[in-house]
Amino acid sequence: MNADREQIYSGLSHAAWGYFFLNFDFNFNTVSIFPRFVGFLLLLSAIDKLSGERRDLALLRPLTMLLAVWSGLDWLVSWAGGDVDGHILFLDLLVAAAGLYFQFQFLTDMAALAEQYQAEGDALDQRLRRRRTAYIVLVTATALIFDVPAGLLGEWREMVALALAVAACIVALLVMTALFSLRRCFRETEAEGPSSFS
């Protein structure tokens, strides 16, 4: 595998595993075993490796660093049983909007990369765009449901939130699958690819 293909392959590996850390959270007491900041650091590495192919990815670098710092701070505070969300509404909304913008633009760039390199007749770029849109809608809806006054939906609020969160996790898995499929476009058929985290 030549150096450019290997770098893109590695960047797509980091992107796919980054989505795992962003969307799957298992806690030991109040501390996440799969902290979100690791996902943003993996995505930051992916941006560095892929920006040669998609130059506008470099514009996401400062935003990714900000999101990594914010989620890292949240993870550190969780060791004391707290969190950084829910204290300053404007800041919470700003971080949420930044996260949604990042997700939308990053997956848009991944779809454009797929369009450029996918096999003839493949529709990987279209699948990525559809999954991107579904992911953004579900993540937004899940966040908004918690802002609905508890009395408005009553006992249904938690059930609706859980259903939306499960659907978002399923779509996140589909996004990961699409990114791994895109990664295969950069693996030479006669060579075994590197490990998933390489």
Protein backbone atom coordinates (compact mmCIF):
# COMPACT_ATOMS: atom_id res chain seq x y z
CA MET A 1 0.00 0.00 0.00
CA ASN A 2 1.54 3.31 -0.97
CA ALA A 3 1.99 6.06 1.63
CA ASP A 4 -0.98 8.20 0.53
CA ARG A 5 -3.40 5.29 0.46
CA GLU A 6 -2.12 4.06 3.81
CA GLN A 7 -2.62 7.50 5.36
CA ILE A 8 -6.19 7.75 4.03
CA TYR A 9 -6.91 4.18 5.17
CA SER A 10 -5.63 5.03 8.64
CA GLY A 11 -7.59 8.30 8.72
CA LEU A 12 -10.83 6.51 7.87
CA SER A 13 -10.12 3.93 10.58
CA HIS A 14 -9.76 6.74 13.10
CA ALA A 15 -12.95 8.39 11.84
CA ALA A 16 -15.00 5.20 12.20
CA TRP A 17 -13.71 4.43 15.70
CA GLY A 18 -14.18 8.08 16.64
CA TYR A 19 -17.90 7.66 16.01
CA PHE A 20 -17.90 4.66 18.34
CA PHE A 21 -16.52 6.74 21.22
CA LEU A 22 -18.92 9.61 20.47
CA ASN A 23 -22.02 7.44 20.55
CA PHE A 24 -21.52 4.51 22.90
CA ASP A 25 -21.16 5.34 26.56
CA PHE A 26 -20.67 2.79 29.31
CA ASN A 27 -20.16 4.18 32.79
CA PHE A 28 -18.37 2.90 35.84
CA ASN A 29 -20.23 4.83 38.54
CA THR A 30 -20.20 8.36 37.08
CA VAL A 31 -17.10 7.93 34.89
CA SER A 32 -17.36 6.94 31.22
CA ILE A 33 -15.25 3.97 30.15
CA PHE A 34 -15.42 5.21 26.53
CA PRO A 35 -15.01 8.99 26.97
CA ARG A 36 -16.23 11.25 24.17
CA PHE A 37 -12.99 13.24 24.12
CA VAL A 38 -11.21 10.13 22.79
CA GLY A 39 -13.69 10.13 19.89
CA PHE A 40 -12.91 13.76 19.12
CA LEU A 41 -9.16 13.08 19.33
CA LEU A 42 -9.57 10.20 16.87
CA LEU A 43 -11.58 12.48 14.57
CA LEU A 44 -8.89 15.15 14.91
CA SER A 45 -6.32 12.58 13.78
CA ALA A 46 -8.64 11.61 10.90
CA ILE A 47 -8.87 15.26 9.83
CA ASP A 48 -5.08 15.56 9.82
CA LYS A 49 -4.73 12.41 7.71
CA LEU A 50 -7.57 13.18 5.28
CA SER A 51 -7.19 16.92 4.78
CA GLY A 52 -4.81 16.30 1.88
CA GLU A 53 -7.76 14.79 0.01
CA ARG A 54 -10.46 17.12 1.36
CA ARG A 55 -8.89 20.51 2.09
CA ASP A 56 -11.93 22.00 3.77
CA LEU A 57 -11.62 19.34 6.50
CA ALA A 58 -8.78 21.45 7.91
CA LEU A 59 -11.37 24.14 8.71
CA LEU A 60 -12.93 21.71 11.21
CA ARG A 61 -9.68 21.31 13.13
CA PRO A 62 -10.17 24.20 15.64
CA LEU A 63 -13.78 23.16 16.24
CA THR A 64 -12.73 19.55 16.85
CA MET A 65 -10.10 20.71 19.33
CA LEU A 66 -12.70 22.81 21.16
CA LEU A 67 -15.11 19.86 21.35
CA ALA A 68 -12.30 17.57 22.55
CA VAL A 69 -11.36 20.02 25.32
CA TRP A 70 -15.01 20.49 26.37
CA SER A 71 -15.72 16.76 26.50
CA GLY A 72 -12.36 16.12 28.22
CA LEU A 73 -13.25 18.66 30.89
CA ASP A 74 -16.65 17.02 31.30
CA TRP A 75 -14.96 13.63 31.72
CA LEU A 76 -12.57 15.00 34.37
CA VAL A 77 -15.42 16.63 36.29
CA SER A 78 -17.34 13.32 36.17
CA TRP A 79 -14.72 11.80 38.47
CA ALA A 80 -16.11 14.10 41.17
CA GLY A 81 -19.69 13.14 40.27
CA GLY A 82 -20.51 16.31 38.32
CA ASP A 83 -20.70 17.48 34.74
CA VAL A 84 -20.07 20.71 32.84
CA ASP A 85 -23.45 20.72 31.06
CA GLY A 86 -26.57 22.36 32.42
CA HIS A 87 -24.96 25.31 34.19
CA ILE A 88 -24.89 28.03 31.52
CA LEU A 89 -27.65 27.63 28.92
CA PHE A 90 -25.95 29.77 26.26
CA LEU A 91 -22.73 27.77 26.54
CA ASP A 92 -24.63 24.47 26.40
CA LEU A 93 -26.48 25.58 23.26
CA LEU A 94 -23.26 26.83 21.66
CA VAL A 95 -21.45 23.52 22.24
CA ALA A 96 -24.47 21.54 21.00
CA ALA A 97 -24.68 23.65 17.82
CA ALA A 98 -20.93 23.33 17.28
CA GLY A 99 -21.19 19.56 17.64
CA LEU A 100 -24.04 19.31 15.15
CA TYR A 101 -22.24 21.53 12.64
CA PHE A 102 -19.10 19.43 13.01
CA GLN A 103 -21.00 16.16 12.45
CA PHE A 104 -22.82 17.50 9.42
CA GLN A 105 -19.73 18.93 7.73
CA PHE A 106 -17.44 16.00 8.53
CA LEU A 107 -19.87 13.43 7.13
CA THR A 108 -20.53 15.66 4.11
CA ASP A 109 -16.79 15.57 3.39
CA MET A 110 -16.73 11.78 3.86
CA ALA A 111 -19.56 11.47 1.33
CA ALA A 112 -17.61 13.65 -1.13
CA LEU A 113 -14.55 11.43 -0.61
CA ALA A 114 -16.71 8.36 -1.27
CA GLU A 115 -18.09 9.95 -4.44
CA GLN A 116 -14.53 10.45 -5.68
CA TYR A 117 -13.17 6.97 -4.89
CA GLN A 118 -16.07 4.51 -4.73
CA ALA A 119 -16.34 1.70 -7.27
CA GLU A 120 -18.43 2.37 -10.34
CA GLY A 121 -22.09 1.72 -9.65
CA ASP A 122 -21.62 1.90 -5.89
CA ALA A 123 -23.80 4.39 -4.00
CA LEU A 124 -21.69 4.74 -0.87
CA ASP A 125 -21.76 8.54 -1.12
CA GLN A 126 -25.57 8.53 -1.16
CA ARG A 127 -25.72 6.14 1.78
CA LEU A 128 -23.37 8.38 3.76
CA ARG A 129 -25.49 11.46 3.02
CA ARG A 130 -28.70 9.70 4.03
CA ARG A 131 -27.13 8.36 7.22
CA ARG A 132 -25.62 11.78 7.97
CA THR A 133 -29.05 13.42 7.73
CA ALA A 134 -30.75 10.73 9.82
CA TYR A 135 -27.98 10.95 12.42
CA ILE A 136 -28.23 14.75 12.73
CA VAL A 137 -32.03 14.64 13.00
CA LEU A 138 -31.97 11.93 15.67
CA VAL A 139 -29.21 13.53 17.75
CA THR A 140 -31.02 16.88 17.60
CA ALA A 141 -34.38 15.33 18.51
CA THR A 142 -32.80 13.41 21.42
CA ALA A 143 -31.24 16.60 22.79
CA LEU A 144 -34.47 18.59 22.37
CA ILE A 145 -36.67 16.03 24.10
CA PHE A 146 -34.80 16.67 27.35
CA ASP A 147 -35.59 20.39 27.04
CA VAL A 148 -39.32 19.71 26.83
CA PRO A 149 -40.95 20.44 30.22
CA ALA A 150 -41.51 17.16 32.05
CA GLY A 151 -45.24 17.81 32.47
CA LEU A 152 -45.80 18.26 28.74
CA LEU A 153 -45.12 14.66 27.74
CA GLY A 154 -45.58 13.15 31.18
CA GLU A 155 -44.47 9.55 31.52
CA TRP A 156 -43.89 9.31 27.75
CA ARG A 157 -40.93 11.67 27.85
CA GLU A 158 -38.39 9.08 29.00
CA MET A 159 -39.74 6.43 26.64
CA VAL A 160 -39.55 8.80 23.66
CA ALA A 161 -36.02 9.88 24.67
CA LEU A 162 -34.92 6.24 24.98
CA ALA A 163 -36.41 5.32 21.59
CA LEU A 164 -34.66 8.28 19.94
CA ALA A 165 -31.35 7.44 21.64
CA VAL A 166 -31.54 3.80 20.51
CA ALA A 167 -32.36 4.89 16.94
CA ALA A 168 -29.41 7.33 17.01
CA CYS A 169 -27.07 4.54 18.15
CA ILE A 170 -28.28 2.29 15.32
CA VAL A 171 -27.68 5.05 12.77
CA ALA A 172 -24.25 5.71 14.33
CA LEU A 173 -23.40 2.03 13.73
CA LEU A 174 -24.53 2.43 10.12
CA VAL A 175 -22.28 5.51 9.79
CA MET A 176 -19.36 3.47 11.15
CA THR A 177 -20.15 0.68 8.68
CA ALA A 178 -20.17 3.16 5.80
CA LEU A 179 -16.83 4.62 6.91
CA PHE A 180 -15.30 1.14 7.07
CA SER A 181 -16.72 0.47 3.58
CA LEU A 182 -15.09 3.67 2.35
CA ARG A 183 -11.84 2.58 3.96
CA ARG A 184 -11.88 -0.57 1.81
CA CYS A 185 -11.57 1.63 -1.29
CA PHE A 186 -8.01 2.39 -0.18
CA ARG A 187 -6.90 -1.15 0.60
CA GLU A 188 -4.95 -2.93 -2.10
CA THR A 189 -6.58 -6.25 -2.88
CA GLU A 190 -3.38 -8.24 -2.65
CA ALA A 191 -2.38 -6.81 0.72
CA GLU A 192 -3.90 -7.20 4.11
CA GLY A 193 -4.92 -3.87 5.61
CA PRO A 194 -3.54 -2.60 8.88
CA SER A 195 -5.30 -3.08 12.15
CA SER A 196 -8.44 -1.08 12.84
CA PHE A 197 -6.70 1.52 15.00
CA SER A 198 -3.65 1.93 12.74
